[in-house]
Amino acid sequence: MDRGTVVGLVLGVAFVVLAIALGQSPKAFWNLPSFLIVVGGTFATTLVKFPVSNFLGTVQALKQAFRTRSERPEDLVPILGALAKEVRKESLLAMEKTRVTDPFLKRGVSLAVDGTEPSVIESMLRAETAAEAERHDRGERIFRSLGQAAPAFGMIGTLVGLVQMLSEMDDPSKIGGAMAVAILTTFYGAFLAYVVFLPIADKLAERQRAELMAREIATQGLLSILAGHHPRLVERRLYGLLGYGRQTTGKPPENRLRPAA
């Protein structure tokens, strides 16, 4: 689990709730009509934008925001370098003796060991990557749409409250309730957008970037191995994709690359 996502959300909510609780009238921050306008309107508008199946998939997308990848992109470089050494010493079949935990790289290795043509392997891996990218992008777009709609419905609720307040000017006892709707809808919209929806959308975008980079590293590394490149050349090429300064120790992590039982 990604502790940063959990800690960030908890702290964001906790600080706001604490500030409200320390005030003189915490109950004043709850207004059901305001809540219904913002939450109901936000989700209804987003449901109009996206197919129902995509909208229901937000639960799966939300899980991605709290999940960490087992291997970072830079962790795959020494693993692929070690695979290149095994192939250079023996043959492509030597990769079958090594247990690779990354599912995407494992599928590529399986195709290579089965004797699949490099061009076919590249086509299959890139097609799978494109499908995965679309799935990640869909979740990000939905949460970003929620983050854009929430403040808008906060403003709509404010206008509703102002209209109610102006229509009840002859009855001072009703002005307070109408003003609460006007102000609290703006608060609810801003809170949901900037504490929940938009941070999750940004986290999903970062997850997608890391996932696509890891898959590109795995694809390029495997193709270099199949082309017979020297292990050092394989690693240097992959580190070049990552950018200067992101090299690890150059040794494959023991818990991610070990002989199969």
Foldseek 3Di string as FASTA:
>chain_A
DPVVVVVLLVVLVVVVLVVLVPDDDSVLLDDVVLVCLQVVQLLVVLCVVDPPVLVVCLVVLLVLLVDDDPDFLQLVLLVLLVLLVQCVVPHLCSVVQKDADDVLLVVLSVCVNVPHDLVVSLVVLVVVLVVVLVSLLSSLVSLLSSLVRNQVSLQVQLVQLVVQLVVCVVPVVCNVVSNSSNNSSNVRSNSCNVSPRNVSSVSSVVSSVRVSLSSVLSSQSSSCSVVSHNSVVSSVVSVVSVPPPPHDPSHNDPVRIDGDD
